[in-house]
Protein backbone atom coordinates (compact mmCIF):
# COMPACT_ATOMS: atom_id res chain seq x y z
CA MET A 1 13.88 -3.50 13.50
CA ARG A 2 11.62 -6.48 13.95
CA LEU A 3 10.24 -7.92 10.73
CA HIS A 4 6.55 -8.72 10.47
CA THR A 5 5.20 -11.97 9.05
CA LEU A 6 3.96 -11.04 5.59
CA PHE A 7 1.33 -13.63 4.82
CA LEU A 8 -1.17 -15.95 6.44
CA SER A 9 0.31 -19.13 4.98
CA ALA A 10 0.76 -20.74 8.40
CA LEU A 11 -3.01 -20.71 8.88
CA ALA A 12 -3.83 -23.11 6.04
CA GLY A 13 -5.82 -26.20 7.02
CA SER A 14 -6.99 -29.31 5.21
CA ALA A 15 -10.31 -27.87 4.04
CA ALA A 16 -8.38 -24.98 2.51
CA ALA A 17 -7.10 -27.20 -0.28
CA ALA A 18 -9.86 -25.76 -2.44
CA VAL A 19 -9.10 -22.28 -1.21
CA LEU A 20 -5.37 -21.74 -0.89
CA ALA A 21 -3.06 -24.60 0.05
CA GLN A 22 -2.61 -28.04 1.56
CA ALA A 23 -2.85 -28.39 5.33
CA PRO A 24 0.25 -27.82 7.47
CA GLN A 25 1.00 -29.91 10.51
CA ALA A 26 -0.57 -28.41 13.60
CA GLY A 27 1.69 -27.41 16.45
CA THR A 28 4.86 -26.77 14.41
CA PRO A 29 6.28 -23.44 15.58
CA ALA A 30 6.54 -20.66 13.03
CA PRO A 31 10.05 -19.27 12.46
CA PRO A 32 10.92 -16.35 14.73
CA PRO A 33 11.01 -12.86 13.21
CA ALA A 34 14.38 -11.44 12.19
CA GLU A 35 15.87 -7.96 12.07
CA ALA A 36 16.01 -5.81 8.97
CA LYS A 37 15.45 -2.37 7.50
CA GLY A 38 11.93 -2.70 6.08
CA GLN A 39 8.80 -1.99 8.08
CA GLY A 40 6.16 -4.61 7.43
CA LEU A 41 8.40 -7.06 5.60
CA SER A 42 8.27 -10.67 6.64
CA ASP A 43 10.86 -13.33 7.04
CA LEU A 44 10.37 -14.06 3.35
CA THR A 45 12.55 -17.14 3.32
CA SER A 46 10.39 -18.84 5.95
CA THR A 47 7.26 -17.79 4.07
CA VAL A 48 8.37 -19.65 0.98
CA GLN A 49 9.49 -22.66 3.01
CA GLU A 50 5.95 -22.86 4.40
CA LEU A 51 4.54 -22.62 0.88
CA ASP A 52 6.79 -25.46 -0.25
CA ASP A 53 5.68 -27.57 2.71
CA GLN A 54 2.01 -26.94 1.99
CA GLY A 55 2.00 -27.56 -1.76
CA GLU A 56 0.74 -25.47 -4.65
CA PRO A 57 -2.07 -22.98 -3.96
CA ALA A 58 -5.36 -23.61 -5.67
CA ALA A 59 -6.48 -21.35 -8.49
CA PRO A 60 -8.14 -18.11 -7.41
CA GLY A 61 -11.89 -18.33 -7.29
CA ALA A 62 -11.97 -21.94 -6.11
CA ALA A 63 -14.91 -22.47 -3.80
CA PRO A 64 -14.42 -23.56 -0.20
CA ALA A 65 -15.62 -26.93 0.96
CA PRO A 66 -19.35 -27.20 1.70
CA ALA A 67 -20.28 -25.87 5.10
CA PRO A 68 -20.47 -28.59 7.74
CA THR A 69 -23.40 -28.86 10.08
CA PRO A 70 -22.49 -26.83 13.17
CA PRO A 71 -22.05 -28.65 16.48
CA PRO A 72 -24.60 -28.13 19.23
CA ALA A 73 -24.07 -24.81 20.97
CA PRO A 74 -25.99 -22.76 23.51
CA ALA A 75 -28.71 -20.73 21.85
CA PRO A 76 -28.15 -16.97 21.99
CA ALA A 77 -30.20 -15.12 24.57
CA GLY A 78 -33.31 -13.35 23.42
CA ASN A 79 -35.46 -13.86 20.37
CA ALA A 80 -33.77 -12.08 17.48
CA PRO A 81 -36.15 -10.87 14.77
CA ALA A 82 -35.66 -11.71 11.11
CA LEU A 83 -32.77 -9.95 9.44
CA THR A 84 -33.66 -6.71 7.70
CA ALA A 85 -32.77 -5.94 4.09
CA GLU A 86 -30.16 -3.49 5.35
CA GLN A 87 -28.54 -6.15 7.54
CA ILE A 88 -28.46 -8.65 4.70
CA ALA A 89 -26.88 -6.03 2.45
CA ALA A 90 -24.23 -5.31 5.11
CA VAL A 91 -23.43 -9.03 5.42
CA ASN A 92 -23.01 -9.27 1.65
CA ARG A 93 -20.68 -6.26 1.66
CA ALA A 94 -18.59 -7.97 4.34
CA ALA A 95 -18.42 -11.12 2.21
CA ALA A 96 -17.33 -9.13 -0.85
CA ARG A 97 -14.61 -7.31 1.09
CA GLY A 98 -13.50 -10.62 2.59
CA ARG A 99 -13.10 -12.07 -0.91
CA ALA A 100 -10.98 -9.03 -1.83
CA LEU A 101 -8.73 -9.60 1.19
CA VAL A 102 -8.30 -13.26 0.27
CA ALA A 103 -7.42 -12.33 -3.33
CA ILE A 104 -4.80 -9.83 -2.12
CA THR A 105 -3.32 -12.36 0.29
CA ARG A 106 -3.21 -15.16 -2.30
CA ALA A 107 -1.57 -12.93 -4.91
CA GLY A 108 0.97 -11.71 -2.36
CA MET A 109 1.93 -15.24 -1.39
CA LEU A 110 2.46 -16.34 -4.99
CA ALA A 111 4.35 -13.17 -5.90
CA THR A 112 6.61 -13.51 -2.85
CA GLN A 113 7.46 -17.08 -3.78
CA ASP A 114 8.30 -15.95 -7.31
CA MET A 115 10.32 -12.96 -6.13
CA LEU A 116 12.44 -14.99 -3.72
CA ALA A 117 13.38 -17.37 -6.53
CA ARG A 118 14.95 -14.42 -8.36
CA VAL A 119 16.02 -11.90 -5.72
CA THR A 120 18.59 -13.47 -3.44
CA ASP A 121 18.75 -10.54 -1.00
CA PRO A 122 15.40 -8.74 -0.68
CA GLU A 123 16.68 -6.57 2.15
CA GLY A 124 19.74 -5.57 0.17
CA ALA A 125 17.49 -4.80 -2.79
CA GLY A 126 15.69 -2.27 -0.59
CA ILE A 127 12.27 -3.92 -0.45
CA ASP A 128 10.19 -2.22 2.23
CA GLY A 129 6.74 -3.64 1.50
CA TRP A 130 4.27 -4.71 -1.14
CA ILE A 131 0.89 -3.73 -2.53
CA ALA A 132 -1.53 -5.55 -4.82
CA GLU A 133 -4.01 -4.23 -7.40
CA ALA A 134 -6.52 -5.88 -9.69
CA GLU A 135 -5.78 -5.51 -13.39
CA GLY A 136 -8.57 -7.12 -15.33
CA ALA A 137 -8.76 -10.75 -14.21
CA ALA A 138 -5.19 -10.61 -12.87
CA MET A 139 -3.60 -9.22 -9.71
CA VAL A 140 -0.42 -7.15 -9.98
CA VAL A 141 1.84 -7.25 -6.92
CA THR A 142 4.49 -4.56 -6.56
CA PHE A 143 7.37 -4.78 -4.08
CA PHE A 144 8.62 -1.27 -3.39
CA ASP A 145 11.52 0.62 -1.86
CA ASN A 146 10.74 3.80 0.11
CA THR A 147 13.55 5.98 -1.22
CA ASN A 148 14.23 9.63 -0.48
CA ASP A 149 12.66 10.38 -3.87
CA GLY A 150 9.49 8.47 -3.11
CA PRO A 151 8.55 4.79 -3.41
CA LYS A 152 10.21 2.95 -6.30
CA THR A 153 9.49 -0.44 -7.87
CA VAL A 154 11.95 -3.23 -7.10
CA TYR A 155 9.94 -6.24 -8.26
CA ARG A 156 6.58 -6.54 -9.98
CA ALA A 157 4.66 -9.77 -10.62
CA THR A 158 1.38 -10.43 -12.41
CA VAL A 159 -0.67 -13.26 -10.91
CA LEU A 160 -3.37 -14.97 -12.97
CA GLY A 161 -4.93 -18.41 -12.73
CA GLY A 162 -3.05 -19.33 -9.56
CA ARG A 163 0.43 -18.61 -10.96
CA VAL A 164 2.77 -15.77 -11.84
CA THR A 165 2.46 -15.08 -15.57
CA SER A 166 4.93 -12.19 -15.92
CA ARG A 167 7.48 -10.30 -13.87
CA ASP A 168 9.78 -7.28 -13.94
CA THR A 169 12.90 -6.90 -11.81
CA PHE A 170 14.72 -3.64 -11.06
CA LEU A 171 17.85 -4.29 -9.03
CA GLY A 172 20.17 -1.70 -10.58
CA THR A 173 20.34 2.02 -10.12
CA PHE A 174 17.12 2.54 -12.10
CA LYS A 175 13.93 1.75 -10.22
CA PRO A 176 10.77 3.15 -11.80
CA PRO A 177 8.59 5.24 -9.50
CA LEU A 178 5.22 3.90 -8.46
CA SER A 179 2.17 5.29 -10.21
CA ARG A 180 0.18 7.94 -8.37
CA THR A 181 -2.34 5.35 -7.18
CA GLN A 182 0.38 2.89 -6.19
CA ALA A 183 2.23 5.61 -4.30
CA ARG A 184 -0.97 6.39 -2.37
CA LEU A 185 -1.31 2.72 -1.43
CA ALA A 186 2.29 2.51 -0.29
CA ALA A 187 1.96 5.76 1.69
CA ALA A 188 -1.23 4.50 3.35
CA ARG A 189 0.53 1.33 4.41
CA THR A 190 3.43 3.32 5.83
CA ALA A 191 1.08 5.73 7.63
CA VAL A 192 -0.83 2.91 9.32
CA ALA A 193 2.37 1.07 10.26
CA ALA A 194 3.41 4.18 12.19
CA THR A 195 0.28 4.10 14.39
CA GLU A 196 -0.10 2.13 17.60
CA ALA A 197 -1.80 -1.26 17.62
CA GLN A 198 -1.06 -4.44 19.53
CA ALA A 199 -0.69 -7.64 17.55
CA CYS A 200 -1.79 -10.89 19.19
CA SER A 201 1.34 -12.69 18.09
CA PRO A 202 5.11 -12.22 18.37
CA GLN A 203 5.11 -12.54 14.58
CA GLY A 204 3.43 -9.13 14.31
CA PHE A 205 0.97 -8.03 11.65
CA ASN A 206 0.23 -8.88 8.05
CA TYR A 207 -0.59 -5.66 6.15
CA LEU A 208 -3.29 -5.86 3.47
CA VAL A 209 -3.97 -2.64 1.56
CA VAL A 210 -7.30 -2.35 -0.29
CA PRO A 211 -7.27 0.05 -3.27
CA PRO A 212 -9.91 2.81 -3.10
CA ALA A 213 -13.20 2.47 -4.92
CA GLY A 214 -12.55 5.72 -6.80
CA ALA A 215 -9.76 8.21 -7.44
CA GLY A 216 -8.98 10.11 -4.27
CA GLY A 217 -11.11 7.84 -2.11
CA ALA A 218 -10.15 6.55 1.32
CA ILE A 219 -7.76 3.60 1.46
CA ASP A 220 -8.44 0.83 3.95
CA VAL A 221 -5.40 -0.85 5.48
CA TYR A 222 -5.88 -4.08 7.43
CA ARG A 223 -3.49 -5.24 10.11
CA ILE A 224 -4.05 -8.95 10.61
CA SER A 225 -2.25 -10.69 13.46
CA ALA A 226 -0.08 -13.44 12.06
CA PRO A 227 -0.34 -16.92 13.59
CA ALA A 228 2.14 -17.62 16.36
CA ALA A 229 2.43 -21.23 15.19
CA ARG A 230 1.14 -23.51 12.51
CA GLY A 231 -2.19 -25.09 13.25
CA ARG A 232 -3.37 -22.02 15.16
CA ILE A 233 -5.85 -19.33 14.14
CA PRO A 234 -5.60 -15.92 15.82
CA ALA A 235 -9.17 -14.77 16.42
CA GLY A 236 -8.04 -11.42 17.84
CA GLY A 237 -5.58 -8.67 17.06
CA HIS A 238 -7.09 -7.61 13.72
CA PHE A 239 -7.64 -3.97 12.78
CA ARG A 240 -8.92 -1.83 9.91
CA THR A 241 -7.71 1.75 9.47
CA SER A 242 -8.93 4.17 6.80
CA VAL A 243 -6.40 6.61 5.37
CA THR A 244 -7.66 9.87 3.85
CA GLY A 245 -5.34 12.51 2.45
CA GLY A 246 -2.36 10.54 3.70
CA VAL A 247 -3.59 10.69 7.31
CA ALA A 248 -4.53 7.51 9.18
CA GLY A 249 -7.83 7.70 11.03
CA GLU A 250 -8.87 5.76 14.10
CA SER A 251 -8.54 1.99 13.89
CA HIS A 252 -11.44 -0.41 14.21
CA ALA A 253 -10.71 -3.54 16.25
CA PHE A 254 -12.46 -6.71 15.05
CA ALA A 255 -12.09 -8.49 18.40
CA SER A 256 -12.15 -7.45 22.04
CA ALA A 257 -9.16 -9.53 23.14
CA CYS A 258 -6.44 -11.87 21.92
CA ALA A 259 -7.44 -15.50 21.50
CA ASP A 260 -6.06 -18.44 19.53
CA SER A 261 -7.92 -21.52 18.34
CA ASP A 262 -6.55 -24.83 17.17
CA VAL A 263 -6.96 -25.87 13.53
CA THR A 264 -6.55 -29.61 13.94
CA GLU A 265 -7.04 -32.47 11.54
CA PRO A 266 -10.32 -34.35 11.99
CA PRO A 267 -10.29 -38.13 12.45
CA ALA A 268 -10.06 -40.08 9.22
CA GLY A 269 -13.33 -40.09 7.32
CA GLN A 270 -14.87 -37.30 9.37
CA GLN A 271 -15.73 -33.80 8.22
CA PRO A 272 -13.90 -30.92 9.93
CA ARG A 273 -16.00 -29.29 12.61
CA PRO A 274 -16.42 -25.51 12.81
CA ILE A 275 -14.17 -23.55 15.11
CA GLN A 276 -16.11 -21.82 17.87
CA ILE A 277 -14.63 -18.39 18.60
CA ALA A 278 -15.48 -15.59 21.02
CA ALA A 279 -18.47 -13.34 20.49
CA SER A 280 -17.84 -10.57 17.99
CA PRO A 281 -17.98 -6.94 19.14
CA ASP A 282 -19.42 -6.06 15.72
CA PRO A 283 -23.19 -6.35 15.25
CA LEU A 284 -22.81 -8.61 12.19
CA PRO A 285 -20.16 -10.92 10.70
CA THR A 286 -17.24 -9.06 9.14
CA GLU A 287 -14.75 -9.38 6.32
CA VAL A 288 -12.14 -10.62 8.77
CA HIS A 289 -14.36 -13.59 9.66
CA VAL A 290 -14.44 -14.41 5.94
CA LEU A 291 -10.67 -14.04 5.63
CA LEU A 292 -9.93 -16.24 8.65
CA SER A 293 -12.38 -18.91 7.51
CA GLN A 294 -10.92 -18.98 4.01
CA MET A 295 -7.32 -19.07 5.18
CA SER A 296 -7.85 -21.68 7.91
CA GLY A 297 -10.10 -23.86 5.78
CA ARG A 298 -12.61 -24.07 8.64
CA ALA A 299 -16.05 -22.67 9.25
CA LEU A 300 -16.26 -20.24 12.17
CA LEU A 301 -19.09 -20.31 14.72
CA PHE A 302 -19.78 -17.28 16.94
CA THR A 303 -22.40 -14.89 18.24
CA ALA A 304 -22.79 -11.22 17.34
CA GLY A 305 -25.25 -8.38 17.76
CA THR A 306 -27.97 -7.32 20.20
CA PRO A 307 -30.04 -9.34 20.67
CA PRO A 308 -27.30 -11.88 20.01
CA ARG A 309 -27.50 -14.06 16.95
CA GLN A 310 -25.47 -17.18 16.25
CA TRP A 311 -23.56 -17.14 12.95
CA LEU A 312 -21.66 -19.58 10.78
CA VAL A 313 -19.05 -18.27 8.32
CA ALA A 314 -17.80 -20.90 5.87
CA GLY A 315 -15.44 -19.31 3.39
CA ASP A 316 -17.41 -16.41 1.90
CA ARG A 317 -20.76 -17.96 2.83
CA ILE A 318 -22.37 -16.36 5.87
CA GLY A 319 -25.44 -17.76 7.55
CA GLU A 320 -27.45 -17.13 10.69
CA ILE A 321 -28.10 -20.25 12.75
CA ARG A 322 -31.84 -20.85 13.01
CA ASP A 323 -33.29 -24.08 14.39
CA GLY A 324 -29.81 -25.56 14.57
CA ARG A 325 -28.91 -24.99 10.90
CA PRO A 326 -27.32 -22.09 9.00
CA ASN A 327 -29.58 -19.93 6.89
CA PHE A 328 -27.09 -18.52 4.39
CA VAL A 329 -27.85 -14.95 3.38
CA THR A 330 -24.85 -14.18 1.17
CA SER A 331 -25.18 -14.23 -2.59
CA GLN A 332 -23.06 -16.68 -4.57
CA ASP A 333 -21.90 -14.14 -7.17
């Protein structure tokens, strides 16, 4: 069975030094996927090699670089009215969910690096996937095995302050079962993985599972197309699926088609320019725009909505372009 790339580490760019990692060299091919038992597991060895190449991730909560002035671009058609309070609230919800996705991704990367230093054969250990949950100021990442008796813990790491602060390993016959909430997260991931969706990369999807807001609430699972090569950002092939009662609902596509953009180094002494991507099918910027901007270290420039508006997403800051400059509407909480 083809393995999926687990994390977005190959997307990191120079401006992401304050977000996640040092910039990789553009154009270096990502390692090909391998074969193994687990659905949704990555080529973990290559993931850690990429982390080593990029340097240490920055501490969670680090702010992205200041938003650059966007390059000249054709003005959207029509004369869009001022944003309503409801639209501004929706943009802020997207920013908050985007921050959650980044936190899950960052914790997963650090936990994977830590796990691989101590588990020499993840496939042999039975690891089928991972989930992440907030625990106070920390994130707890659990690597699980889908056994006949339900999902069991193989490796658990607590991530705080940009590093793993504690870990538990269960490689013998005893593997503690996941908690009820953890088991729901693992089951949601498995349910979504069994549904049809087309990734925009031979590397497959990254799976990010967002814990529910309350007990028994719906669980959102994101399938994010992994980059086909370093120095590339996949602007398409990203989906969100809500799971209720163990059943996966219809998936929402965040882009209309597959498209890649280059994340190249700017000339010495020059600020990175935003990446212009295709118009969004959503009426407003989304959490996936925030995730891609954070992980690539670049601002994204695109149009969305009817009448169309031009938007700039720089990390978790989202602004509508008015008179050639972004008017940021997201709070800085």
